[in-house]
C-alpha atoms as a PDB file:
ATOM      1  CA  UNK A   1     -10.959 -15.596 -11.872  1.00  0.00           C
ATOM      2  CA  UNK A   2     -10.877 -12.667 -14.252  1.00  0.00           C
ATOM      3  CA  UNK A   3      -7.659 -11.083 -15.475  1.00  0.00           C
ATOM      4  CA  UNK A   4      -5.163 -10.208 -12.734  1.00  0.00           C
ATOM      5  CA  UNK A   5      -5.078  -6.616 -11.530  1.00  0.00           C
ATOM      6  CA  UNK A   6      -1.910  -4.559 -11.928  1.00  0.00           C
ATOM      7  CA  UNK A   7      -0.941  -5.016  -8.257  1.00  0.00           C
ATOM      8  CA  UNK A   8      -1.281  -8.811  -8.512  1.00  0.00           C
ATOM      9  CA  UNK A   9       0.964  -8.674 -11.588  1.00  0.00           C
ATOM     10  CA  UNK A  10       3.525  -6.588  -9.671  1.00  0.00           C
ATOM     11  CA  UNK A  11       3.432  -9.041  -6.744  1.00  0.00           C
ATOM     12  CA  UNK A  12       3.940 -11.929  -9.179  1.00  0.00           C
ATOM     13  CA  UNK A  13       6.753  -9.972 -10.916  1.00  0.00           C
ATOM     14  CA  UNK A  14       4.921 -10.041 -14.239  1.00  0.00           C
ATOM     15  CA  UNK A  15       5.266  -6.245 -14.281  1.00  0.00           C
ATOM     16  CA  UNK A  16       8.513  -4.567 -13.287  1.00  0.00           C
ATOM     17  CA  UNK A  17       8.385  -2.351 -10.239  1.00  0.00           C
ATOM     18  CA  UNK A  18      10.728  -0.828  -7.700  1.00  0.00           C
ATOM     19  CA  UNK A  19      10.074  -3.321  -4.894  1.00  0.00           C
ATOM     20  CA  UNK A  20      11.356  -2.167  -1.509  1.00  0.00           C
ATOM     21  CA  UNK A  21      10.018  -5.037   0.625  1.00  0.00           C
ATOM     22  CA  UNK A  22       8.567  -8.475   0.105  1.00  0.00           C
ATOM     23  CA  UNK A  23       7.781 -11.578   2.090  1.00  0.00           C
ATOM     24  CA  UNK A  24       5.382 -14.487   1.499  1.00  0.00           C
ATOM     25  CA  UNK A  25       2.327 -12.328   2.353  1.00  0.00           C
ATOM     26  CA  UNK A  26       3.220  -8.696   1.603  1.00  0.00           C
ATOM     27  CA  UNK A  27       4.858  -6.696  -1.197  1.00  0.00           C
ATOM     28  CA  UNK A  28       5.804  -3.008  -1.051  1.00  0.00           C
ATOM     29  CA  UNK A  29       6.982  -0.863  -3.934  1.00  0.00           C
ATOM     30  CA  UNK A  30       7.572   2.781  -4.782  1.00  0.00           C
ATOM     31  CA  UNK A  31       4.558   4.576  -6.236  1.00  0.00           C
ATOM     32  CA  UNK A  32       5.016   5.526  -9.903  1.00  0.00           C
ATOM     33  CA  UNK A  33       3.260   8.863  -9.266  1.00  0.00           C
ATOM     34  CA  UNK A  34       4.651   9.895  -5.866  1.00  0.00           C
ATOM     35  CA  UNK A  35       2.794  12.492  -3.832  1.00  0.00           C
ATOM     36  CA  UNK A  36       5.662  12.886  -1.350  1.00  0.00           C
ATOM     37  CA  UNK A  37       9.418  12.268  -1.328  1.00  0.00           C
ATOM     38  CA  UNK A  38       8.635   8.837   0.138  1.00  0.00           C
ATOM     39  CA  UNK A  39       5.519   7.226  -1.347  1.00  0.00           C
ATOM     40  CA  UNK A  40       5.362   3.468  -1.002  1.00  0.00           C
ATOM     41  CA  UNK A  41       2.433   1.197  -1.828  1.00  0.00           C
ATOM     42  CA  UNK A  42       2.065  -1.780   0.527  1.00  0.00           C
ATOM     43  CA  UNK A  43      -0.159  -4.648  -0.623  1.00  0.00           C
ATOM     44  CA  UNK A  44      -1.129  -8.112   0.499  1.00  0.00           C
ATOM     45  CA  UNK A  45      -0.302 -10.767  -2.087  1.00  0.00           C
ATOM     46  CA  UNK A  46      -3.863 -11.997  -1.574  1.00  0.00           C
ATOM     47  CA  UNK A  47      -6.216 -10.143  -3.910  1.00  0.00           C
ATOM     48  CA  UNK A  48      -8.785  -8.251  -1.849  1.00  0.00           C
ATOM     49  CA  UNK A  49     -10.461  -5.537  -3.937  1.00  0.00           C
ATOM     50  CA  UNK A  50     -11.668  -3.074  -1.267  1.00  0.00           C
ATOM     51  CA  UNK A  51     -11.978  -2.567   2.480  1.00  0.00           C
ATOM     52  CA  UNK A  52     -15.619  -3.655   2.196  1.00  0.00           C
ATOM     53  CA  UNK A  53     -14.398  -7.017   0.890  1.00  0.00           C
ATOM     54  CA  UNK A  54     -12.378  -7.809   4.011  1.00  0.00           C
ATOM     55  CA  UNK A  55     -13.353 -10.860   6.022  1.00  0.00           C
ATOM     56  CA  UNK A  56     -12.660 -11.715   9.658  1.00  0.00           C
ATOM     57  CA  UNK A  57      -9.853 -14.087   8.654  1.00  0.00           C
ATOM     58  CA  UNK A  58      -8.035 -11.183   6.898  1.00  0.00           C
ATOM     59  CA  UNK A  59      -7.437  -9.314  10.175  1.00  0.00           C
ATOM     60  CA  UNK A  60      -3.863 -10.520  10.770  1.00  0.00           C
ATOM     61  CA  UNK A  61      -2.911  -9.953   7.129  1.00  0.00           C
ATOM     62  CA  UNK A  62      -4.231  -6.392   7.141  1.00  0.00           C
ATOM     63  CA  UNK A  63      -2.521  -5.740  10.462  1.00  0.00           C
ATOM     64  CA  UNK A  64       0.730  -6.868   8.892  1.00  0.00           C
ATOM     65  CA  UNK A  65       0.426  -4.053   6.294  1.00  0.00           C
ATOM     66  CA  UNK A  66       0.820  -1.597   9.172  1.00  0.00           C
ATOM     67  CA  UNK A  67       3.741  -3.495  10.706  1.00  0.00           C
ATOM     68  CA  UNK A  68       5.515  -3.367   7.332  1.00  0.00           C
ATOM     69  CA  UNK A  69       4.693   0.365   7.068  1.00  0.00           C
ATOM     70  CA  UNK A  70       6.317   0.947  10.477  1.00  0.00           C
ATOM     71  CA  UNK A  71       9.429  -0.965   9.394  1.00  0.00           C
ATOM     72  CA  UNK A  72       9.687   0.959   6.101  1.00  0.00           C
ATOM     73  CA  UNK A  73       9.139   4.319   7.831  1.00  0.00           C
ATOM     74  CA  UNK A  74      12.135   3.538  10.049  1.00  0.00           C
ATOM     75  CA  UNK A  75      14.262   2.400   7.076  1.00  0.00           C
ATOM     76  CA  UNK A  76      13.369   5.549   5.109  1.00  0.00           C
ATOM     77  CA  UNK A  77      14.046   7.737   8.164  1.00  0.00           C
ATOM     78  CA  UNK A  78      10.600   9.358   8.168  1.00  0.00           C
ATOM     79  CA  UNK A  79       9.605   8.368  11.696  1.00  0.00           C
ATOM     80  CA  UNK A  80       9.246  12.035  12.682  1.00  0.00           C
ATOM     81  CA  UNK A  81       6.060  12.222  10.626  1.00  0.00           C
ATOM     82  CA  UNK A  82       4.364  10.155   7.973  1.00  0.00           C
ATOM     83  CA  UNK A  83       0.883   9.418   6.724  1.00  0.00           C
ATOM     84  CA  UNK A  84      -0.823   6.087   6.087  1.00  0.00           C
ATOM     85  CA  UNK A  85      -3.775   6.120   3.685  1.00  0.00           C
ATOM     86  CA  UNK A  86      -6.231   3.533   2.407  1.00  0.00           C
ATOM     87  CA  UNK A  87      -8.676   4.844  -0.193  1.00  0.00           C
ATOM     88  CA  UNK A  88     -11.939   2.980  -0.566  1.00  0.00           C
ATOM     89  CA  UNK A  89     -13.907   3.221  -3.805  1.00  0.00           C
ATOM     90  CA  UNK A  90     -13.612   5.814  -6.586  1.00  0.00           C
ATOM     91  CA  UNK A  91     -15.238   8.597  -4.536  1.00  0.00           C
ATOM     92  CA  UNK A  92     -12.259   8.449  -2.174  1.00  0.00           C
ATOM     93  CA  UNK A  93      -9.669   8.127  -4.936  1.00  0.00           C
ATOM     94  CA  UNK A  94      -9.256   4.352  -5.200  1.00  0.00           C
ATOM     95  CA  UNK A  95      -8.168   3.589  -8.753  1.00  0.00           C
ATOM     96  CA  UNK A  96      -6.676   0.108  -8.347  1.00  0.00           C
ATOM     97  CA  UNK A  97      -9.087  -2.381  -6.855  1.00  0.00           C
ATOM     98  CA  UNK A  98      -6.601  -4.351  -4.779  1.00  0.00           C
ATOM     99  CA  UNK A  99      -6.522  -3.158  -1.190  1.00  0.00           C
ATOM    100  CA  UNK A 100      -3.351  -1.193  -0.534  1.00  0.00           C
ATOM    101  CA  UNK A 101      -1.799   1.084   2.026  1.00  0.00           C
ATOM    102  CA  UNK A 102      -0.006   4.265   0.983  1.00  0.00           C
ATOM    103  CA  UNK A 103       2.999   5.194   3.131  1.00  0.00           C
ATOM    104  CA  UNK A 104       3.778   8.883   2.555  1.00  0.00           C
ATOM    105  CA  UNK A 105       6.541  10.878   4.185  1.00  0.00           C
ATOM    106  CA  UNK A 106       9.482  13.174   3.768  1.00  0.00           C
ATOM    107  CA  UNK A 107       7.450  16.397   3.736  1.00  0.00           C
ATOM    108  CA  UNK A 108       5.014  18.275   5.958  1.00  0.00           C
ATOM    109  CA  UNK A 109       1.363  17.290   5.601  1.00  0.00           C
ATOM    110  CA  UNK A 110      -1.645  19.461   6.280  1.00  0.00           C
ATOM    111  CA  UNK A 111      -5.065  18.627   7.687  1.00  0.00           C
ATOM    112  CA  UNK A 112      -7.648  18.045   6.461  1.00  0.00           C
ATOM    113  CA  UNK A 113      -6.263  16.184   3.465  1.00  0.00           C
ATOM    114  CA  UNK A 114      -7.529  17.035  -0.043  1.00  0.00           C
END
């Protein structure tokens, strides 16, 4: 395998981060460039570069990202309104090629998004 991506290094604690949740499959940490008062990145420990790289056997793992997002939204008291975002490829804003879910909340969001 080539060099680890930054999110793999965060999950392995090779790079310091503000981790807010972790279990054997998932790690969540505060975004270093927050776009809302609450901006948490939720990743699987398994390195999956993009949505297009998902396989059938990843379904439960990817579903767990959303379960963790729900739990964190409750903990951060943003259940009245939050946004979940997965960017796929550079044209959509993906800059780290390790699938991840953005949990954003704590402010009003407009539609359509940027």
